[in-house]
Amino acid sequence: MKQPKIKIFGQIFNVILIEFDKKTGSVKKIVYEINEHHHQTVFKSNEMITKSLNSKIKIQKPTRHPYHDYANAPDLERLLIT
């Protein structure tokens, strides 16, 4: 099997880890390599907290967390390139 890649935020990166949900079998987390010393994580979620941290908004595409070094996306499988 070839190492999958992820296309996110207009760029293509190598995937380091794919984590699956035990109940549904769907992808719930992807870790990808930005460079040799920096990895990024994207979680499956259709919501993201706002900058005020008081409420959540619905998202339809990958969205970075306003204060932490990760992103959420509603459909992780669609981001993978095999």
N, C-alpha and C. Protein backbone atom coordinates (compact mmCIF):
# COMPACT_ATOMS: atom_id res chain seq x y z
N MET A 1 0.83 -1.18 0.00
CA MET A 1 0.00 0.00 0.00
C MET A 1 0.88 1.24 0.00
N LYS A 2 0.53 2.21 -0.84
CA LYS A 2 1.25 3.47 -0.87
C LYS A 2 0.85 4.36 0.29
N GLN A 3 1.81 5.16 0.74
CA GLN A 3 1.51 6.11 1.80
C GLN A 3 0.51 7.14 1.27
N PRO A 4 -0.61 7.33 1.97
CA PRO A 4 -1.58 8.32 1.50
C PRO A 4 -1.07 9.74 1.72
N LYS A 5 -1.66 10.66 1.00
CA LYS A 5 -1.36 12.08 1.15
C LYS A 5 -2.67 12.77 1.49
N ILE A 6 -2.55 13.99 1.98
CA ILE A 6 -3.73 14.78 2.31
C ILE A 6 -3.61 16.11 1.58
N LYS A 7 -4.73 16.55 1.00
CA LYS A 7 -4.79 17.87 0.38
C LYS A 7 -5.64 18.73 1.29
N ILE A 8 -4.98 19.72 1.92
CA ILE A 8 -5.65 20.58 2.88
C ILE A 8 -5.07 21.99 2.77
N PHE A 9 -5.92 22.98 2.85
CA PHE A 9 -5.52 24.38 2.75
C PHE A 9 -4.73 24.66 1.48
N GLY A 10 -5.09 23.97 0.39
CA GLY A 10 -4.47 24.21 -0.91
C GLY A 10 -3.11 23.57 -1.12
N GLN A 11 -2.67 22.74 -0.19
CA GLN A 11 -1.37 22.09 -0.31
C GLN A 11 -1.52 20.59 -0.09
N ILE A 12 -0.51 19.82 -0.54
CA ILE A 12 -0.50 18.37 -0.38
C ILE A 12 0.64 17.98 0.56
N PHE A 13 0.31 17.12 1.55
CA PHE A 13 1.28 16.70 2.56
C PHE A 13 1.23 15.18 2.72
N ASN A 14 2.32 14.59 3.24
CA ASN A 14 2.35 13.17 3.57
C ASN A 14 1.59 12.92 4.86
N VAL A 15 0.80 11.85 4.88
CA VAL A 15 0.06 11.46 6.07
C VAL A 15 0.95 10.59 6.95
N ILE A 16 1.00 10.90 8.23
CA ILE A 16 1.80 10.15 9.20
C ILE A 16 0.94 9.13 9.94
N LEU A 17 -0.31 9.51 10.28
CA LEU A 17 -1.18 8.66 11.08
C LEU A 17 -2.64 8.89 10.69
N ILE A 18 -3.38 7.80 10.61
CA ILE A 18 -4.84 7.88 10.42
C ILE A 18 -5.46 7.09 11.57
N GLU A 19 -6.36 7.74 12.30
CA GLU A 19 -7.04 7.08 13.43
C GLU A 19 -8.52 6.91 13.07
N PHE A 20 -9.05 5.71 13.35
CA PHE A 20 -10.42 5.38 12.99
C PHE A 20 -11.30 5.29 14.23
N ASP A 21 -12.58 5.60 14.05
CA ASP A 21 -13.57 5.44 15.10
C ASP A 21 -13.88 3.95 15.24
N LYS A 22 -13.81 3.40 16.44
CA LYS A 22 -14.02 1.97 16.66
C LYS A 22 -15.45 1.53 16.34
N LYS A 23 -16.42 2.39 16.58
CA LYS A 23 -17.82 2.02 16.37
C LYS A 23 -18.24 2.13 14.90
N THR A 24 -17.87 3.24 14.25
CA THR A 24 -18.35 3.49 12.88
C THR A 24 -17.35 3.09 11.81
N GLY A 25 -16.07 3.01 12.16
CA GLY A 25 -15.04 2.70 11.18
C GLY A 25 -14.63 3.88 10.33
N SER A 26 -15.19 5.05 10.58
CA SER A 26 -14.82 6.23 9.80
C SER A 26 -13.56 6.88 10.37
N VAL A 27 -12.89 7.67 9.54
CA VAL A 27 -11.67 8.36 9.95
C VAL A 27 -12.06 9.46 10.93
N LYS A 28 -11.38 9.50 12.10
CA LYS A 28 -11.69 10.55 13.07
C LYS A 28 -10.52 11.51 13.32
N LYS A 29 -9.30 11.12 12.86
CA LYS A 29 -8.14 11.99 13.08
C LYS A 29 -7.07 11.67 12.05
N ILE A 30 -6.44 12.69 11.51
CA ILE A 30 -5.32 12.53 10.58
C ILE A 30 -4.18 13.41 11.07
N VAL A 31 -2.99 12.84 11.14
CA VAL A 31 -1.79 13.61 11.45
C VAL A 31 -0.95 13.62 10.17
N TYR A 32 -0.54 14.81 9.75
CA TYR A 32 0.26 14.93 8.52
C TYR A 32 1.51 15.76 8.78
N GLU A 33 2.48 15.60 7.88
CA GLU A 33 3.79 16.20 8.06
C GLU A 33 3.90 17.50 7.28
N ILE A 34 4.10 18.60 7.99
CA ILE A 34 4.34 19.90 7.36
C ILE A 34 5.79 19.95 6.87
N ASN A 35 6.70 19.60 7.75
CA ASN A 35 8.13 19.44 7.41
C ASN A 35 8.72 18.41 8.37
N GLU A 36 9.99 18.20 8.30
CA GLU A 36 10.64 17.15 9.08
C GLU A 36 10.41 17.30 10.59
N HIS A 37 10.24 18.51 11.06
CA HIS A 37 10.13 18.75 12.50
C HIS A 37 8.76 19.27 12.94
N HIS A 38 7.79 19.30 12.04
CA HIS A 38 6.49 19.86 12.39
C HIS A 38 5.37 19.01 11.80
N HIS A 39 4.51 18.50 12.67
CA HIS A 39 3.33 17.73 12.26
C HIS A 39 2.09 18.51 12.60
N GLN A 40 1.02 18.31 11.85
CA GLN A 40 -0.25 18.99 12.07
C GLN A 40 -1.35 17.95 12.20
N THR A 41 -2.36 18.21 13.00
CA THR A 41 -3.47 17.29 13.21
C THR A 41 -4.76 17.93 12.73
N VAL A 42 -5.60 17.11 12.10
CA VAL A 42 -6.95 17.54 11.73
C VAL A 42 -7.93 16.49 12.27
N PHE A 43 -8.96 16.96 12.97
CA PHE A 43 -9.96 16.10 13.58
C PHE A 43 -11.27 16.19 12.80
N LYS A 44 -12.05 15.12 12.88
CA LYS A 44 -13.36 15.14 12.24
C LYS A 44 -14.35 15.85 13.15
N SER A 45 -14.92 16.93 12.65
CA SER A 45 -15.93 17.69 13.38
C SER A 45 -16.59 18.66 12.41
N ASN A 46 -17.86 18.90 12.59
CA ASN A 46 -18.53 19.87 11.74
C ASN A 46 -18.75 21.19 12.49
N GLU A 47 -18.03 21.37 13.61
CA GLU A 47 -18.11 22.60 14.39
C GLU A 47 -16.71 23.08 14.76
N MET A 48 -16.59 24.39 14.98
CA MET A 48 -15.34 24.98 15.46
C MET A 48 -15.71 26.09 16.42
N ILE A 49 -14.95 26.22 17.48
CA ILE A 49 -15.19 27.27 18.46
C ILE A 49 -14.81 28.62 17.84
N THR A 50 -15.51 29.66 18.23
CA THR A 50 -15.21 31.00 17.72
C THR A 50 -14.04 31.61 18.47
N LYS A 51 -13.50 32.71 17.96
CA LYS A 51 -12.37 33.37 18.61
C LYS A 51 -12.71 33.86 20.01
N SER A 52 -13.98 34.17 20.23
CA SER A 52 -14.39 34.64 21.56
C SER A 52 -14.49 33.51 22.57
N LEU A 53 -14.44 32.25 22.10
CA LEU A 53 -14.53 31.04 22.91
C LEU A 53 -15.90 30.89 23.60
N ASN A 54 -16.88 31.68 23.18
CA ASN A 54 -18.21 31.63 23.79
C ASN A 54 -19.20 30.78 23.03
N SER A 55 -18.93 30.50 21.77
CA SER A 55 -19.89 29.74 20.97
C SER A 55 -19.17 28.94 19.89
N LYS A 56 -19.91 28.07 19.23
CA LYS A 56 -19.37 27.27 18.15
C LYS A 56 -20.09 27.63 16.86
N ILE A 57 -19.37 27.48 15.75
CA ILE A 57 -19.97 27.71 14.44
C ILE A 57 -19.89 26.43 13.62
N LYS A 58 -20.84 26.25 12.73
CA LYS A 58 -20.83 25.11 11.81
C LYS A 58 -19.79 25.38 10.73
N ILE A 59 -19.02 24.36 10.36
CA ILE A 59 -18.03 24.50 9.30
C ILE A 59 -18.34 23.51 8.19
N GLN A 60 -17.95 23.87 6.96
CA GLN A 60 -18.16 22.99 5.82
C GLN A 60 -16.86 22.66 5.10
N LYS A 61 -15.75 23.21 5.58
CA LYS A 61 -14.44 22.93 5.01
C LYS A 61 -13.43 22.94 6.15
N PRO A 62 -12.21 22.44 5.91
CA PRO A 62 -11.20 22.45 6.98
C PRO A 62 -10.99 23.86 7.54
N THR A 63 -10.97 23.93 8.87
CA THR A 63 -10.86 25.21 9.55
C THR A 63 -9.89 25.08 10.71
N ARG A 64 -8.94 26.00 10.79
CA ARG A 64 -7.97 25.99 11.89
C ARG A 64 -8.61 26.50 13.19
N HIS A 65 -8.19 25.90 14.29
CA HIS A 65 -8.63 26.38 15.60
C HIS A 65 -8.04 27.77 15.80
N PRO A 66 -8.80 28.70 16.38
CA PRO A 66 -8.29 30.08 16.51
C PRO A 66 -7.07 30.23 17.43
N TYR A 67 -6.88 29.31 18.38
CA TYR A 67 -5.78 29.48 19.34
C TYR A 67 -4.85 28.28 19.47
N HIS A 68 -5.21 27.14 18.90
CA HIS A 68 -4.39 25.94 19.04
C HIS A 68 -3.89 25.49 17.67
N ASP A 69 -2.92 24.61 17.67
CA ASP A 69 -2.26 24.18 16.44
C ASP A 69 -2.91 22.91 15.88
N TYR A 70 -4.21 22.97 15.58
CA TYR A 70 -4.90 21.87 14.92
C TYR A 70 -6.07 22.43 14.13
N ALA A 71 -6.69 21.56 13.34
CA ALA A 71 -7.84 21.98 12.53
C ALA A 71 -8.96 20.96 12.69
N ASN A 72 -10.16 21.36 12.32
CA ASN A 72 -11.31 20.47 12.23
C ASN A 72 -11.80 20.48 10.79
N ALA A 73 -12.35 19.35 10.36
CA ALA A 73 -12.94 19.24 9.03
C ALA A 73 -14.12 18.28 9.11
N PRO A 74 -15.21 18.57 8.39
CA PRO A 74 -16.38 17.69 8.49
C PRO A 74 -16.23 16.34 7.79
N ASP A 75 -15.36 16.25 6.79
CA ASP A 75 -15.22 15.00 6.03
C ASP A 75 -13.74 14.72 5.76
N LEU A 76 -13.11 13.95 6.62
CA LEU A 76 -11.69 13.67 6.48
C LEU A 76 -11.37 12.78 5.29
N GLU A 77 -12.25 11.82 5.00
CA GLU A 77 -12.01 10.90 3.89
C GLU A 77 -11.83 11.64 2.57
N ARG A 78 -12.57 12.71 2.40
CA ARG A 78 -12.51 13.48 1.15
C ARG A 78 -11.18 14.21 1.00
N LEU A 79 -10.45 14.45 2.08
CA LEU A 79 -9.17 15.14 2.03
C LEU A 79 -8.02 14.21 1.64
N LEU A 80 -8.21 12.91 1.80
CA LEU A 80 -7.13 11.94 1.52
C LEU A 80 -6.95 11.72 0.02
N ILE A 81 -5.68 11.61 -0.38
CA ILE A 81 -5.31 11.28 -1.75
C ILE A 81 -4.50 9.99 -1.68
N THR A 82 -4.96 8.95 -2.37
CA THR A 82 -4.22 7.68 -2.31
C THR A 82 -3.47 7.42 -3.58
